Each structure stands twice: as C-alpha cells, then as structure tokens.
C-alpha atoms as a PDB file:
ATOM      1  CA  TYR A   1      -4.935  -3.557  38.953  1.00  0.00           C
ATOM      2  CA  LEU A   2      -1.401  -2.839  37.772  1.00  0.00           C
ATOM      3  CA  HIS A   3      -0.982  -6.389  36.480  1.00  0.00           C
ATOM      4  CA  SER A   4      -4.067  -6.135  34.280  1.00  0.00           C
ATOM      5  CA  PHE A   5      -2.977  -2.705  33.073  1.00  0.00           C
ATOM      6  CA  PHE A   6       0.512  -3.938  32.120  1.00  0.00           C
ATOM      7  CA  GLY A   7      -0.966  -7.110  30.622  1.00  0.00           C
ATOM      8  CA  TYR A   8      -2.588  -4.900  27.995  1.00  0.00           C
ATOM      9  CA  PHE A   9       0.825  -4.000  26.590  1.00  0.00           C
ATOM     10  CA  PRO A  10       2.722  -6.728  24.767  1.00  0.00           C
ATOM     11  CA  SER A  11       5.979  -7.951  26.317  1.00  0.00           C
ATOM     12  CA  TYR A  12       9.284  -7.552  24.482  1.00  0.00           C
ATOM     13  CA  ASP A  13       8.997 -11.193  23.328  1.00  0.00           C
ATOM     14  CA  ALA A  14       5.465 -10.602  22.016  1.00  0.00           C
ATOM     15  CA  LYS A  15       6.553  -7.411  20.200  1.00  0.00           C
ATOM     16  CA  PHE A  16       9.448  -9.276  18.573  1.00  0.00           C
ATOM     17  CA  LEU A  17       7.092 -12.029  17.396  1.00  0.00           C
ATOM     18  CA  ASP A  18       4.650  -9.426  16.006  1.00  0.00           C
ATOM     19  CA  GLN A  19       7.388  -7.518  14.179  1.00  0.00           C
ATOM     20  CA  PHE A  20       9.242 -10.565  12.886  1.00  0.00           C
ATOM     21  CA  SER A  21       5.956 -12.066  11.631  1.00  0.00           C
ATOM     22  CA  GLU A  22       5.292  -8.816   9.785  1.00  0.00           C
ATOM     23  CA  HIS A  23       8.844  -8.881   8.406  1.00  0.00           C
ATOM     24  CA  HIS A  24       8.278 -12.441   7.154  1.00  0.00           C
ATOM     25  CA  SER A  25       4.938 -11.389   5.597  1.00  0.00           C
ATOM     26  CA  ASP A  26       6.771  -8.834   3.426  1.00  0.00           C
ATOM     27  CA  ALA A  27       9.250 -11.519   2.320  1.00  0.00           C
ATOM     28  CA  ILE A  28       6.363 -13.867   1.489  1.00  0.00           C
ATOM     29  CA  LYS A  29       4.743 -11.200  -0.719  1.00  0.00           C
ATOM     30  CA  MET A  30       8.064 -10.700  -2.506  1.00  0.00           C
ATOM     31  CA  GLY A  31       8.588 -14.446  -2.844  1.00  0.00           C
ATOM     32  CA  GLU A  32       5.104 -14.987  -4.250  1.00  0.00           C
ATOM     33  CA  MET A  33       5.789 -12.267  -6.808  1.00  0.00           C
ATOM     34  CA  ALA A  34       9.045 -14.023  -7.764  1.00  0.00           C
ATOM     35  CA  SER A  35       7.408 -17.429  -8.062  1.00  0.00           C
ATOM     36  CA  SER A  36       5.233 -16.036 -10.848  1.00  0.00           C
ATOM     37  CA  LYS A  37       7.545 -13.399 -12.409  1.00  0.00           C
ATOM     38  CA  ALA A  38      11.096 -14.736 -12.117  1.00  0.00           C
ATOM     39  CA  ALA A  39      12.707 -15.775 -15.396  1.00  0.00           C
ATOM     40  CA  ASN A  40      15.389 -17.973 -13.883  1.00  0.00           C
ATOM     41  CA  PRO A  41      14.163 -21.302 -12.458  1.00  0.00           C
ATOM     42  CA  GLU A  42      16.751 -21.107  -9.635  1.00  0.00           C
ATOM     43  CA  VAL A  43      15.316 -17.760  -8.495  1.00  0.00           C
ATOM     44  CA  LYS A  44      11.802 -19.222  -8.626  1.00  0.00           C
ATOM     45  CA  LYS A  45      12.874 -22.288  -6.665  1.00  0.00           C
ATOM     46  CA  MET A  46      14.578 -20.252  -3.951  1.00  0.00           C
ATOM     47  CA  ALA A  47      11.599 -17.854  -3.699  1.00  0.00           C
ATOM     48  CA  GLU A  48       9.161 -20.757  -3.342  1.00  0.00           C
ATOM     49  CA  LYS A  49      11.306 -22.355  -0.627  1.00  0.00           C
ATOM     50  CA  MET A  50      11.434 -19.051   1.291  1.00  0.00           C
ATOM     51  CA  VAL A  51       7.649 -18.649   1.036  1.00  0.00           C
ATOM     52  CA  GLY A  52       7.140 -22.155   2.442  1.00  0.00           C
ATOM     53  CA  ASP A  53       9.731 -21.786   5.209  1.00  0.00           C
ATOM     54  CA  GLN A  54       8.561 -18.354   6.309  1.00  0.00           C
ATOM     55  CA  THR A  55       4.880 -19.339   6.214  1.00  0.00           C
ATOM     56  CA  ASP A  56       5.713 -22.216   8.585  1.00  0.00           C
ATOM     57  CA  GLU A  57       7.731 -19.869  10.811  1.00  0.00           C
ATOM     58  CA  ILE A  58       4.864 -17.345  11.007  1.00  0.00           C
ATOM     59  CA  LYS A  59       2.555 -20.163  12.123  1.00  0.00           C
ATOM     60  CA  LYS A  60       5.047 -21.123  14.850  1.00  0.00           C
ATOM     61  CA  MET A  61       5.478 -17.470  15.927  1.00  0.00           C
ATOM     62  CA  LYS A  62       1.681 -17.032  16.183  1.00  0.00           C
ATOM     63  CA  GLU A  63       1.446 -20.106  18.422  1.00  0.00           C
ATOM     64  CA  TRP A  64       4.183 -18.743  20.721  1.00  0.00           C
ATOM     65  CA  ARG A  65       2.557 -15.301  20.664  1.00  0.00           C
ATOM     66  CA  GLU A  66      -0.772 -16.719  21.861  1.00  0.00           C
ATOM     67  CA  LYS A  67       0.968 -18.518  24.752  1.00  0.00           C
ATOM     68  CA  ILE A  68       3.073 -15.498  25.744  1.00  0.00           C
ATOM     69  CA  SER A  69       0.587 -12.631  25.648  1.00  0.00           C
ATOM     70  CA  SER A  70      -3.081 -11.841  25.263  1.00  0.00           C
ATOM     71  CA  ALA A  71      -2.252  -8.194  24.600  1.00  0.00           C
ATOM     72  CA  PRO A  72      -3.210  -6.857  21.181  1.00  0.00           C
ATOM     73  CA  PRO A  73      -0.447  -7.014  18.551  1.00  0.00           C
ATOM     74  CA  ALA A  74       2.188  -4.311  18.714  1.00  0.00           C
ATOM     75  CA  VAL A  75       1.467  -1.530  16.248  1.00  0.00           C
ATOM     76  CA  SER A  76       4.290  -1.416  13.764  1.00  0.00           C
ATOM     77  CA  LYS A  77       6.173   1.831  13.321  1.00  0.00           C
ATOM     78  CA  LYS A  78       8.053   0.284  10.416  1.00  0.00           C
ATOM     79  CA  LYS A  79       7.363   1.672   6.980  1.00  0.00           C
ATOM     80  CA  LYS A  80       5.772  -0.911   4.702  1.00  0.00           C
ATOM     81  CA  MET A  81       8.134  -2.299   2.109  1.00  0.00           C
ATOM     82  CA  ASP A  82       7.619  -0.680  -1.303  1.00  0.00           C
ATOM     83  CA  MET A  83       7.561  -3.421  -3.912  1.00  0.00           C
ATOM     84  CA  SER A  84       6.046  -1.342  -6.729  1.00  0.00           C
ATOM     85  CA  SER A  85       9.379  -0.891  -8.561  1.00  0.00           C
ATOM     86  CA  LEU A  86      10.007  -4.641  -8.302  1.00  0.00           C
ATOM     87  CA  ASN A  87       6.536  -5.437  -9.629  1.00  0.00           C
ATOM     88  CA  GLN A  88       7.171  -3.282 -12.726  1.00  0.00           C
ATOM     89  CA  LYS A  89      10.218  -5.332 -13.762  1.00  0.00           C
ATOM     90  CA  ASN A  90      10.236  -8.501 -15.842  1.00  0.00           C
ATOM     91  CA  GLY A  91      12.627 -11.235 -16.896  1.00  0.00           C
ATOM     92  CA  ARG A  92      16.266 -10.970 -15.906  1.00  0.00           C
ATOM     93  CA  ASP A  93      15.785  -7.385 -14.662  1.00  0.00           C
ATOM     94  CA  PHE A  94      13.162  -8.709 -12.240  1.00  0.00           C
ATOM     95  CA  ASP A  95      15.457 -11.522 -11.089  1.00  0.00           C
ATOM     96  CA  ILE A  96      18.334  -9.148 -10.315  1.00  0.00           C
ATOM     97  CA  ALA A  97      16.066  -6.625  -8.553  1.00  0.00           C
ATOM     98  CA  PHE A  98      14.376  -9.417  -6.543  1.00  0.00           C
ATOM     99  CA  LEU A  99      17.703 -10.911  -5.432  1.00  0.00           C
ATOM    100  CA  ASP A 100      18.954  -7.461  -4.413  1.00  0.00           C
ATOM    101  CA  MET A 101      15.770  -6.468  -2.560  1.00  0.00           C
ATOM    102  CA  MET A 102      15.461  -9.827  -0.790  1.00  0.00           C
ATOM    103  CA  ALA A 103      19.145  -9.715   0.264  1.00  0.00           C
ATOM    104  CA  LYS A 104      18.591  -6.261   1.816  1.00  0.00           C
ATOM    105  CA  HIS A 105      15.392  -7.501   3.449  1.00  0.00           C
ATOM    106  CA  HIS A 106      17.262 -10.473   4.914  1.00  0.00           C
ATOM    107  CA  GLN A 107      19.931  -8.124   6.288  1.00  0.00           C
ATOM    108  CA  GLN A 108      17.189  -6.304   8.211  1.00  0.00           C
ATOM    109  CA  GLY A 109      15.941  -9.673   9.463  1.00  0.00           C
ATOM    110  CA  VAL A 110      19.438 -10.647  10.636  1.00  0.00           C
ATOM    111  CA  SER A 111      19.764  -7.346  12.530  1.00  0.00           C
ATOM    112  CA  MET A 112      16.299  -7.646  14.114  1.00  0.00           C
ATOM    113  CA  ALA A 113      16.838 -11.253  15.211  1.00  0.00           C
ATOM    114  CA  LYS A 114      20.374 -10.689  16.532  1.00  0.00           C
ATOM    115  CA  GLU A 115      19.338  -7.630  18.532  1.00  0.00           C
ATOM    116  CA  ALA A 116      16.278  -9.421  19.914  1.00  0.00           C
ATOM    117  CA  SER A 117      18.062 -12.650  20.835  1.00  0.00           C
ATOM    118  CA  ALA A 118      20.024 -10.767  23.499  1.00  0.00           C
ATOM    119  CA  LYS A 119      16.841  -9.334  25.069  1.00  0.00           C
ATOM    120  CA  LEU A 120      14.283 -12.138  24.706  1.00  0.00           C
ATOM    121  CA  SER A 121      13.244 -14.046  27.820  1.00  0.00           C
ATOM    122  CA  ASN A 122      11.291 -17.029  26.418  1.00  0.00           C
ATOM    123  CA  PRO A 123      13.872 -19.776  25.712  1.00  0.00           C
ATOM    124  CA  GLU A 124      12.047 -21.116  22.618  1.00  0.00           C
ATOM    125  CA  VAL A 125      11.689 -17.658  21.103  1.00  0.00           C
ATOM    126  CA  LYS A 126      15.318 -16.827  21.969  1.00  0.00           C
ATOM    127  CA  THR A 127      16.537 -20.014  20.206  1.00  0.00           C
ATOM    128  CA  PHE A 128      14.275 -19.249  17.242  1.00  0.00           C
ATOM    129  CA  ALA A 129      15.720 -15.701  16.948  1.00  0.00           C
ATOM    130  CA  LYS A 130      19.318 -16.985  17.042  1.00  0.00           C
ATOM    131  CA  ASN A 131      18.561 -19.636  14.418  1.00  0.00           C
ATOM    132  CA  ALA A 132      16.619 -17.151  12.280  1.00  0.00           C
ATOM    133  CA  ALA A 133      19.572 -14.741  12.276  1.00  0.00           C
ATOM    134  CA  GLU A 134      21.925 -17.514  11.097  1.00  0.00           C
ATOM    135  CA  LYS A 135      19.495 -18.843   8.488  1.00  0.00           C
ATOM    136  CA  GLN A 136      18.689 -15.401   7.090  1.00  0.00           C
ATOM    137  CA  ASP A 137      22.394 -14.558   6.896  1.00  0.00           C
ATOM    138  CA  GLN A 138      23.115 -17.790   4.974  1.00  0.00           C
ATOM    139  CA  GLU A 139      20.212 -17.103   2.614  1.00  0.00           C
ATOM    140  CA  ARG A 140      21.369 -13.486   2.184  1.00  0.00           C
ATOM    141  CA  GLN A 141      24.822 -14.692   1.125  1.00  0.00           C
ATOM    142  CA  LYS A 142      23.259 -17.140  -1.350  1.00  0.00           C
ATOM    143  CA  LEU A 143      21.023 -14.366  -2.748  1.00  0.00           C
ATOM    144  CA  LEU A 144      24.048 -12.092  -3.267  1.00  0.00           C
ATOM    145  CA  LYS A 145      25.990 -14.913  -4.948  1.00  0.00           C
ATOM    146  CA  MET A 146      23.028 -15.608  -7.246  1.00  0.00           C
ATOM    147  CA  LYS A 147      22.720 -11.884  -8.021  1.00  0.00           C
ATOM    148  CA  LYS A 148      26.411 -11.656  -8.884  1.00  0.00           C
ATOM    149  CA  SER A 149      26.225 -14.587 -11.296  1.00  0.00           C
ATOM    150  CA  GLU A 150      22.912 -13.379 -12.761  1.00  0.00           C
ATOM    151  CA  SER A 151      24.341  -9.893 -13.286  1.00  0.00           C
ATOM    152  CA  SER A 152      27.512 -11.124 -14.956  1.00  0.00           C
ATOM    153  CA  ASP A 153      26.420 -13.835 -17.369  1.00  0.00           C
ATOM    154  CA  GLY A 154      22.775 -14.648 -16.914  1.00  0.00           C
ATOM    155  CA  THR A 155      23.369 -18.135 -15.584  1.00  0.00           C
ATOM    156  CA  MET A 156      22.999 -19.208 -11.989  1.00  0.00           C
ATOM    157  CA  THR A 157      25.562 -21.031  -9.955  1.00  0.00           C
ATOM    158  CA  LYS A 158      24.462 -23.017  -6.938  1.00  0.00           C
END
C-alpha cells in the first residue's frame, strides 16, 4: 500500500526532469521569437541552435522521465517567464534584450542543474545535469559577450 501511495509522487529525479524540461520550453519560446525577430544573423543563428539543442534534450528528458516514474508531472511553482516586453522590441533593441534575457535564463539553468546534480540518483540524469550546467554556462558567457559587442558597436564578434 505505501509503495503505491509513494509511487504517485514523482521522485527527485523525475521532478528535476519535469522542471528542467519546462525551463527548456521557455528558452525554446524565446529562441523561436529570436529566429523570426532578431536583426543580427549571429543572434538568429545562436537562437536556432539553442532551439534545436534544447528540443533534442527535452525529448531525451521525457524518455528518462517515462523510465523513472509513472507519477504525474510535478506541478511547477515557478512563475512563467514574461516575454511580453521582449516581444514588443524590434531590431537591435530586440537583439540586446534577447541576449540579456537568455543569459539570465541560462544562469537559472546553471543553478538548477548544479544543485540537482548533487542530489540526483539516476546516473544518466546526473551526468546530463552536470553537462547541462557546463553547456549553459558556456552559452551564457557567449550570450554576454555577444550582448557587449552588440551594445557597443552593433557588430558581433564570435
């Protein structure tokens, strides 16, 4: 009886996968917005790469989630990301706001993944969280570098 009762609640690993998938979904929405609104081709290219990468990662997380737990997805207590101010911008203003918002979003991802990697029990999910933290931190640094160059002279440096 207790096992079936506790089986209804998602494990820590399952909750992480639910929350990180949701986190990636927000980034995908932002990236899709940038792929149509960004003025700078480098911003567009980076946004499109993130959308592709994070879509693939969500697919992988869903597969792990199905193996780990049959419990319903964890209900998020996180406030949905407000992208309305970003959506109202155009051109270079959009690019700068996108780079800034995505860098902050990646910082949250780094924190989530680092914190989780210490607590996760599934080895595949634990490795994924560690790698995700590193990848998101590298992307965050690139976003900030792109923002700095976009803010100063309007040209991107790779």
